């Protein structure tokens, strides 16, 4: 049984709107940096190679290459220091953790792009059936033409 106080703290400290991103996505993480009394936003861009935890403790790891050297940073999703997470492109991956990218360099690090489905499954099936019907009618018309 969880402590009711901890549940209340978790509910109040969690962000209400979270950007939707997955493993393999290339993201720009806007991080608030405090320098004295000034605050600025620094952008860390790279590929999301891992997500871990749940609730307020959920973290994600972003990896990028800087001057030929791999740099990874872990960010808490619900941190007030994270101003925004912008998804630049979605990568097509088949695993939950992309640690194998650590051993790769150059073009081998690239991931295939995942394109969002523009049509629903029902619309795709209807379009396919329509193409088949058009093909059959065209074949029947050609057959009738040769018979005459």
N, C-alpha and C. Protein backbone atom coordinates (compact mmCIF):
# COMPACT_ATOMS: atom_id res chain seq x y z
N UNK A 1 0.84 -1.19 0.00
CA UNK A 1 0.00 0.00 0.00
C UNK A 1 0.88 1.24 0.00
N UNK A 2 0.57 2.16 -0.89
CA UNK A 2 1.39 3.36 -1.02
C UNK A 2 0.97 4.42 -0.04
N UNK A 3 1.90 5.25 0.31
CA UNK A 3 1.66 6.35 1.22
C UNK A 3 0.80 7.41 0.52
N UNK A 4 -0.27 7.86 1.16
CA UNK A 4 -1.17 8.83 0.54
C UNK A 4 -0.48 10.18 0.32
N UNK A 5 0.45 10.54 1.20
CA UNK A 5 1.18 11.78 1.04
C UNK A 5 2.05 11.74 -0.21
N UNK A 6 2.72 10.60 -0.44
CA UNK A 6 3.56 10.45 -1.63
C UNK A 6 2.72 10.53 -2.90
N UNK A 7 1.54 9.94 -2.88
CA UNK A 7 0.66 10.00 -4.04
C UNK A 7 0.25 11.43 -4.33
N UNK A 8 -0.05 12.22 -3.28
CA UNK A 8 -0.44 13.62 -3.45
C UNK A 8 0.71 14.44 -4.03
N UNK A 9 1.93 14.20 -3.53
CA UNK A 9 3.11 14.91 -4.04
C UNK A 9 3.35 14.56 -5.50
N UNK A 10 3.19 13.28 -5.85
CA UNK A 10 3.39 12.87 -7.24
C UNK A 10 2.39 13.54 -8.17
N UNK A 11 1.14 13.61 -7.75
CA UNK A 11 0.10 14.22 -8.59
C UNK A 11 0.37 15.70 -8.83
N UNK A 12 0.82 16.41 -7.81
CA UNK A 12 1.04 17.85 -7.95
C UNK A 12 2.32 18.18 -8.70
N UNK A 13 3.35 17.32 -8.61
CA UNK A 13 4.62 17.64 -9.25
C UNK A 13 4.73 17.16 -10.68
N UNK A 14 3.79 16.32 -11.14
CA UNK A 14 3.85 15.82 -12.51
C UNK A 14 3.34 16.87 -13.49
N UNK A 15 3.96 16.91 -14.67
CA UNK A 15 3.52 17.84 -15.72
C UNK A 15 2.17 17.40 -16.26
N UNK A 16 1.33 18.37 -16.59
CA UNK A 16 0.00 18.03 -17.11
C UNK A 16 0.05 17.66 -18.59
N UNK A 17 0.89 18.36 -19.35
CA UNK A 17 1.00 18.06 -20.78
C UNK A 17 2.39 17.53 -21.07
N UNK A 18 2.43 16.32 -21.58
CA UNK A 18 3.70 15.70 -21.94
C UNK A 18 3.80 15.56 -23.44
N UNK A 19 4.94 15.85 -24.03
CA UNK A 19 5.09 15.61 -25.47
C UNK A 19 5.16 14.11 -25.71
N UNK A 20 4.59 13.66 -26.81
CA UNK A 20 4.59 12.23 -27.13
C UNK A 20 5.84 11.93 -27.97
N UNK A 21 6.75 11.19 -27.39
CA UNK A 21 7.93 10.75 -28.13
C UNK A 21 8.25 9.33 -27.69
N UNK A 22 8.92 8.60 -28.58
CA UNK A 22 9.21 7.20 -28.33
C UNK A 22 10.70 6.93 -28.52
N UNK A 23 11.09 5.70 -28.27
CA UNK A 23 12.47 5.29 -28.48
C UNK A 23 12.80 5.39 -29.97
N UNK A 24 13.95 5.94 -30.30
CA UNK A 24 14.36 6.07 -31.69
C UNK A 24 14.02 7.42 -32.29
N UNK A 25 13.23 8.23 -31.61
CA UNK A 25 12.89 9.55 -32.12
C UNK A 25 14.06 10.51 -31.93
N UNK A 26 14.28 11.38 -32.91
CA UNK A 26 15.27 12.44 -32.76
C UNK A 26 14.56 13.65 -32.17
N UNK A 27 15.03 14.11 -31.02
CA UNK A 27 14.33 15.17 -30.30
C UNK A 27 15.26 16.34 -29.98
N UNK A 28 14.66 17.50 -29.79
CA UNK A 28 15.34 18.67 -29.24
C UNK A 28 14.81 18.86 -27.83
N UNK A 29 15.70 18.74 -26.83
CA UNK A 29 15.30 18.93 -25.44
C UNK A 29 15.70 20.34 -25.04
N UNK A 30 14.72 21.18 -24.71
CA UNK A 30 14.97 22.55 -24.29
C UNK A 30 15.16 22.56 -22.77
N UNK A 31 16.40 22.81 -22.33
CA UNK A 31 16.75 22.75 -20.91
C UNK A 31 16.97 24.16 -20.39
N UNK A 32 16.36 24.46 -19.25
CA UNK A 32 16.57 25.77 -18.61
C UNK A 32 17.89 25.73 -17.86
N UNK A 33 18.76 26.70 -18.15
CA UNK A 33 20.07 26.81 -17.51
C UNK A 33 20.08 28.10 -16.68
N UNK A 34 20.45 28.00 -15.39
CA UNK A 34 20.56 29.17 -14.53
C UNK A 34 22.02 29.60 -14.46
N UNK A 35 22.29 30.85 -14.83
CA UNK A 35 23.64 31.41 -14.75
C UNK A 35 23.54 32.67 -13.92
N UNK A 36 23.84 32.53 -12.63
CA UNK A 36 23.70 33.67 -11.73
C UNK A 36 22.22 33.97 -11.53
N UNK A 37 21.83 35.20 -11.87
CA UNK A 37 20.41 35.57 -11.74
C UNK A 37 19.69 35.50 -13.09
N UNK A 38 20.42 35.09 -14.14
CA UNK A 38 19.82 34.99 -15.47
C UNK A 38 19.45 33.55 -15.78
N UNK A 39 18.44 33.40 -16.59
CA UNK A 39 18.02 32.08 -17.04
C UNK A 39 18.00 32.07 -18.56
N UNK A 40 18.55 31.00 -19.14
CA UNK A 40 18.51 30.85 -20.58
C UNK A 40 18.12 29.42 -20.91
N UNK A 41 17.75 29.20 -22.16
CA UNK A 41 17.36 27.85 -22.60
C UNK A 41 18.42 27.32 -23.55
N UNK A 42 18.92 26.13 -23.24
CA UNK A 42 19.91 25.47 -24.07
C UNK A 42 19.25 24.24 -24.70
N UNK A 43 19.51 24.01 -25.97
CA UNK A 43 18.89 22.90 -26.69
C UNK A 43 19.89 21.76 -26.81
N UNK A 44 19.47 20.58 -26.36
CA UNK A 44 20.27 19.36 -26.50
C UNK A 44 19.50 18.47 -27.45
N UNK A 45 20.06 18.22 -28.64
CA UNK A 45 19.34 17.39 -29.60
C UNK A 45 20.07 16.07 -29.81
N UNK A 46 19.28 15.02 -30.04
CA UNK A 46 19.85 13.70 -30.24
C UNK A 46 18.75 12.66 -30.35
N UNK A 47 19.15 11.40 -30.30
CA UNK A 47 18.23 10.27 -30.45
C UNK A 47 17.89 9.73 -29.06
N UNK A 48 16.61 9.49 -28.82
CA UNK A 48 16.18 8.88 -27.56
C UNK A 48 16.54 7.41 -27.62
N UNK A 49 17.46 6.97 -26.73
CA UNK A 49 17.89 5.58 -26.77
C UNK A 49 17.28 4.75 -25.65
N UNK A 50 16.67 5.40 -24.64
CA UNK A 50 16.07 4.63 -23.55
C UNK A 50 15.07 5.47 -22.78
N UNK A 51 14.09 4.79 -22.22
CA UNK A 51 13.16 5.38 -21.25
C UNK A 51 13.10 4.42 -20.08
N UNK A 52 13.01 4.96 -18.88
CA UNK A 52 12.97 4.09 -17.71
C UNK A 52 12.16 4.76 -16.61
N UNK A 53 11.69 3.95 -15.67
CA UNK A 53 10.95 4.46 -14.53
C UNK A 53 9.49 4.70 -14.86
N UNK A 54 8.77 5.17 -13.86
CA UNK A 54 7.36 5.50 -14.05
C UNK A 54 6.98 6.59 -13.06
N UNK A 55 5.87 7.24 -13.33
CA UNK A 55 5.42 8.32 -12.45
C UNK A 55 6.35 9.50 -12.48
N UNK A 56 6.63 10.08 -11.32
CA UNK A 56 7.50 11.25 -11.27
C UNK A 56 8.95 10.90 -11.52
N UNK A 57 9.30 9.62 -11.39
CA UNK A 57 10.70 9.21 -11.56
C UNK A 57 11.03 8.81 -12.99
N UNK A 58 10.14 9.01 -13.92
CA UNK A 58 10.39 8.58 -15.29
C UNK A 58 11.51 9.41 -15.92
N UNK A 59 12.44 8.72 -16.57
CA UNK A 59 13.60 9.36 -17.18
C UNK A 59 13.70 8.93 -18.64
N UNK A 60 14.41 9.74 -19.43
CA UNK A 60 14.73 9.33 -20.79
C UNK A 60 16.16 9.73 -21.09
N UNK A 61 16.83 8.91 -21.91
CA UNK A 61 18.23 9.14 -22.25
C UNK A 61 18.34 9.56 -23.70
N UNK A 62 19.07 10.65 -23.95
CA UNK A 62 19.26 11.18 -25.29
C UNK A 62 20.75 11.10 -25.63
N UNK A 63 21.06 10.60 -26.83
CA UNK A 63 22.45 10.45 -27.26
C UNK A 63 22.68 11.24 -28.53
N UNK A 64 23.81 11.91 -28.59
CA UNK A 64 24.22 12.61 -29.81
C UNK A 64 25.72 12.52 -29.95
N UNK A 65 26.20 12.84 -31.14
CA UNK A 65 27.63 12.80 -31.43
C UNK A 65 28.14 14.24 -31.50
N UNK A 66 29.16 14.55 -30.70
CA UNK A 66 29.76 15.88 -30.69
C UNK A 66 31.25 15.72 -30.99
N UNK A 67 31.69 16.26 -32.12
CA UNK A 67 33.08 16.20 -32.56
C UNK A 67 33.61 14.77 -32.55
N UNK A 68 32.79 13.84 -33.05
CA UNK A 68 33.21 12.45 -33.16
C UNK A 68 33.10 11.66 -31.86
N UNK A 69 32.64 12.27 -30.80
CA UNK A 69 32.54 11.62 -29.50
C UNK A 69 31.07 11.52 -29.10
N UNK A 70 30.64 10.37 -28.62
CA UNK A 70 29.25 10.19 -28.21
C UNK A 70 28.99 10.83 -26.86
N UNK A 71 27.88 11.57 -26.75
CA UNK A 71 27.50 12.23 -25.50
C UNK A 71 26.07 11.81 -25.18
N UNK A 72 25.87 11.33 -23.95
CA UNK A 72 24.53 10.94 -23.51
C UNK A 72 24.14 11.75 -22.30
N UNK A 73 22.86 12.12 -22.24
CA UNK A 73 22.32 12.81 -21.07
C UNK A 73 21.00 12.17 -20.69
N UNK A 74 20.78 12.03 -19.38
CA UNK A 74 19.52 11.52 -18.87
C UNK A 74 18.72 12.69 -18.33
N UNK A 75 17.45 12.74 -18.71
CA UNK A 75 16.58 13.81 -18.27
C UNK A 75 15.37 13.25 -17.56
N UNK A 76 14.95 13.83 -16.44
CA UNK A 76 13.67 13.45 -15.85
C UNK A 76 12.55 14.12 -16.67
N UNK A 77 11.54 13.35 -17.04
CA UNK A 77 10.47 13.88 -17.88
C UNK A 77 9.71 15.00 -17.18
N UNK A 78 9.47 14.85 -15.89
CA UNK A 78 8.64 15.81 -15.16
C UNK A 78 9.45 16.92 -14.49
N UNK A 79 10.71 17.08 -14.85
CA UNK A 79 11.55 18.10 -14.24
C UNK A 79 11.11 19.50 -14.66
N UNK A 80 11.10 20.46 -13.73
CA UNK A 80 10.80 21.84 -14.12
C UNK A 80 11.90 22.47 -14.97
N UNK A 81 13.09 21.87 -14.99
CA UNK A 81 14.19 22.37 -15.82
C UNK A 81 13.98 22.06 -17.30
N UNK A 82 13.15 21.09 -17.60
CA UNK A 82 12.84 20.76 -19.00
C UNK A 82 11.73 21.68 -19.46
N UNK A 83 12.06 22.60 -20.37
CA UNK A 83 11.07 23.55 -20.88
C UNK A 83 10.19 22.89 -21.93
N UNK A 84 10.80 22.11 -22.82
CA UNK A 84 10.04 21.52 -23.92
C UNK A 84 10.83 20.38 -24.53
N UNK A 85 10.12 19.44 -25.15
CA UNK A 85 10.73 18.36 -25.92
C UNK A 85 10.06 18.39 -27.28
N UNK A 86 10.85 18.67 -28.34
CA UNK A 86 10.31 18.78 -29.69
C UNK A 86 10.80 17.59 -30.50
N UNK A 87 9.87 16.84 -31.08
CA UNK A 87 10.23 15.68 -31.91
C UNK A 87 10.56 16.17 -33.31
N UNK A 88 11.79 15.92 -33.76
CA UNK A 88 12.22 16.33 -35.10
C UNK A 88 11.89 15.27 -36.14
N UNK A 89 12.15 14.01 -35.82
CA UNK A 89 11.82 12.91 -36.72
C UNK A 89 11.64 11.65 -35.89
N UNK A 90 10.88 10.70 -36.43
CA UNK A 90 10.62 9.45 -35.74
C UNK A 90 11.44 8.34 -36.37
N UNK A 91 12.09 7.57 -35.55
CA UNK A 91 12.90 6.46 -36.03
C UNK A 91 12.16 5.15 -35.94
N UNK A 92 12.40 4.28 -36.90
CA UNK A 92 11.76 2.96 -36.93
C UNK A 92 12.67 1.98 -36.20
N UNK A 93 12.25 1.53 -35.02
CA UNK A 93 13.07 0.63 -34.21
C UNK A 93 12.23 -0.56 -33.75
N UNK A 94 12.93 -1.63 -33.35
CA UNK A 94 12.24 -2.85 -32.93
C UNK A 94 12.65 -3.28 -31.54
N UNK A 95 13.26 -2.41 -30.79
CA UNK A 95 13.63 -2.76 -29.42
C UNK A 95 13.40 -1.59 -28.47
N UNK A 96 13.39 -1.89 -27.19
CA UNK A 96 13.07 -0.89 -26.17
C UNK A 96 14.27 -0.04 -25.79
N UNK A 97 15.46 -0.60 -25.91
CA UNK A 97 16.69 0.13 -25.57
C UNK A 97 17.64 0.07 -26.76
N UNK A 98 18.19 1.20 -27.13
CA UNK A 98 19.06 1.27 -28.31
C UNK A 98 20.53 1.42 -27.90
N UNK A 99 20.95 0.64 -26.91
CA UNK A 99 22.33 0.74 -26.44
C UNK A 99 23.33 0.28 -27.49
N UNK A 100 22.88 -0.49 -28.47
CA UNK A 100 23.79 -0.96 -29.52
C UNK A 100 24.33 0.19 -30.36
N UNK A 101 23.69 1.37 -30.31
CA UNK A 101 24.18 2.52 -31.07
C UNK A 101 25.49 3.06 -30.50
N UNK A 102 25.81 2.68 -29.25
CA UNK A 102 27.05 3.16 -28.62
C UNK A 102 28.29 2.64 -29.34
N UNK A 103 28.21 1.43 -29.88
CA UNK A 103 29.37 0.85 -30.56
C UNK A 103 29.47 1.28 -32.01
N UNK A 104 28.47 1.95 -32.52
CA UNK A 104 28.46 2.32 -33.93
C UNK A 104 28.93 3.76 -34.13
N UNK A 105 29.39 4.04 -35.36
CA UNK A 105 29.82 5.40 -35.66
C UNK A 105 29.48 5.72 -37.10
N UNK A 106 29.43 6.99 -37.42
CA UNK A 106 29.17 7.42 -38.78
C UNK A 106 27.76 7.13 -39.24
N UNK A 107 27.64 6.64 -40.47
CA UNK A 107 26.32 6.38 -41.05
C UNK A 107 25.61 5.20 -40.40
N UNK A 108 26.35 4.35 -39.71
CA UNK A 108 25.76 3.17 -39.07
C UNK A 108 24.84 3.56 -37.91
N UNK A 109 24.95 4.79 -37.43
CA UNK A 109 24.13 5.25 -36.30
C UNK A 109 22.74 5.65 -36.77
N UNK A 110 22.58 5.93 -38.06
CA UNK A 110 21.29 6.41 -38.56
C UNK A 110 20.21 5.35 -38.44
N UNK A 111 18.99 5.80 -38.19
CA UNK A 111 17.83 4.91 -38.11
C UNK A 111 16.90 5.22 -39.27
N UNK A 112 16.17 4.20 -39.73
CA UNK A 112 15.18 4.44 -40.77
C UNK A 112 14.07 5.30 -40.19
N UNK A 113 13.45 6.11 -41.05
CA UNK A 113 12.39 6.98 -40.57
C UNK A 113 11.05 6.26 -40.59
N UNK A 114 10.26 6.49 -39.54
CA UNK A 114 8.93 5.90 -39.45
C UNK A 114 7.93 6.96 -39.86
N UNK A 115 7.14 6.64 -40.85
CA UNK A 115 6.17 7.59 -41.35
C UNK A 115 4.82 7.31 -40.73
N UNK A 116 4.12 8.33 -40.24
CA UNK A 116 2.80 8.08 -39.64
C UNK A 116 1.80 7.67 -40.70
N UNK A 117 0.89 6.77 -40.33
CA UNK A 117 -0.15 6.32 -41.24
C UNK A 117 -1.13 7.46 -41.47
N UNK A 118 -1.34 7.81 -42.73
CA UNK A 118 -2.23 8.93 -43.04
C UNK A 118 -3.68 8.47 -43.11
N UNK A 119 -3.90 7.19 -43.40
CA UNK A 119 -5.26 6.67 -43.54
C UNK A 119 -5.49 5.58 -42.50
N UNK A 120 -6.75 5.42 -42.11
CA UNK A 120 -7.08 4.34 -41.20
C UNK A 120 -7.06 3.02 -41.96
N UNK A 121 -7.09 1.93 -41.23
CA UNK A 121 -7.05 0.60 -41.84
C UNK A 121 -8.28 0.39 -42.73
N UNK A 122 -9.43 0.86 -42.27
CA UNK A 122 -10.67 0.69 -43.06
C UNK A 122 -10.57 1.45 -44.38
N UNK A 123 -10.02 2.66 -44.33
CA UNK A 123 -9.86 3.46 -45.55
C UNK A 123 -8.89 2.78 -46.51
N UNK A 124 -7.81 2.20 -45.98
CA UNK A 124 -6.83 1.52 -46.82
C UNK A 124 -7.45 0.30 -47.50
N UNK A 125 -8.26 -0.48 -46.74
CA UNK A 125 -8.92 -1.65 -47.32
C UNK A 125 -9.92 -1.25 -48.40
N UNK A 126 -10.67 -0.16 -48.16
CA UNK A 126 -11.65 0.31 -49.14
C UNK A 126 -10.95 0.76 -50.42
N UNK A 127 -9.83 1.46 -50.29
CA UNK A 127 -9.09 1.92 -51.45
C UNK A 127 -8.55 0.73 -52.25
N UNK A 128 -8.08 -0.31 -51.53
CA UNK A 128 -7.54 -1.50 -52.19
C UNK A 128 -8.64 -2.23 -52.95
N UNK A 129 -9.82 -2.35 -52.34
CA UNK A 129 -10.96 -3.01 -52.99
C UNK A 129 -11.40 -2.23 -54.22
N UNK A 130 -11.36 -0.90 -54.13
CA UNK A 130 -11.72 -0.03 -55.26
C UNK A 130 -10.76 -0.23 -56.43
N UNK A 131 -9.45 -0.32 -56.13
CA UNK A 131 -8.45 -0.55 -57.18
C UNK A 131 -8.65 -1.90 -57.85
N UNK A 132 -8.98 -2.93 -57.04
CA UNK A 132 -9.22 -4.26 -57.60
C UNK A 132 -10.42 -4.25 -58.53
N UNK A 133 -11.51 -3.59 -58.10
CA UNK A 133 -12.73 -3.53 -58.92
C UNK A 133 -12.46 -2.80 -60.23
N UNK A 134 -11.68 -1.72 -60.18
CA UNK A 134 -11.35 -0.97 -61.39
C UNK A 134 -10.51 -1.83 -62.34
N UNK A 135 -9.59 -2.61 -61.77
CA UNK A 135 -8.74 -3.47 -62.57
C UNK A 135 -9.58 -4.56 -63.26
N UNK A 136 -10.54 -5.14 -62.49
CA UNK A 136 -11.40 -6.19 -63.06
C UNK A 136 -12.28 -5.65 -64.18
N UNK A 137 -12.86 -4.46 -63.97
CA UNK A 137 -13.73 -3.89 -65.01
C UNK A 137 -12.93 -3.53 -66.26
N UNK A 138 -11.69 -3.09 -66.06
CA UNK A 138 -10.83 -2.76 -67.19
C UNK A 138 -10.48 -4.03 -67.98
N UNK A 139 -10.21 -5.14 -67.26
CA UNK A 139 -9.90 -6.42 -67.91
C UNK A 139 -11.12 -6.95 -68.65
N UNK A 140 -12.31 -6.78 -68.05
CA UNK A 140 -13.54 -7.24 -68.69
C UNK A 140 -13.83 -6.43 -69.95
N UNK A 141 -13.58 -5.14 -69.92
CA UNK A 141 -13.79 -4.27 -71.08
C UNK A 141 -12.81 -4.65 -72.20
N UNK A 142 -11.58 -4.95 -71.85
CA UNK A 142 -10.58 -5.36 -72.85
C UNK A 142 -10.97 -6.70 -73.47
N UNK A 143 -11.51 -7.61 -72.68
CA UNK A 143 -11.92 -8.91 -73.15
C UNK A 143 -13.13 -8.79 -74.11
N UNK A 144 -14.07 -7.92 -73.74
CA UNK A 144 -15.23 -7.69 -74.60
C UNK A 144 -14.82 -7.02 -75.92
N UNK A 145 -13.81 -6.17 -75.86
CA UNK A 145 -13.31 -5.47 -77.05
C UNK A 145 -12.70 -6.47 -78.03
N UNK A 146 -11.91 -7.43 -77.50
CA UNK A 146 -11.28 -8.42 -78.38
C UNK A 146 -12.30 -9.43 -78.93
N UNK A 147 -13.40 -9.65 -78.18
CA UNK A 147 -14.43 -10.60 -78.64
C UNK A 147 -15.20 -10.02 -79.83
N UNK A 148 -15.32 -8.71 -79.88
CA UNK A 148 -16.09 -8.06 -80.97
C UNK A 148 -15.26 -7.96 -82.19
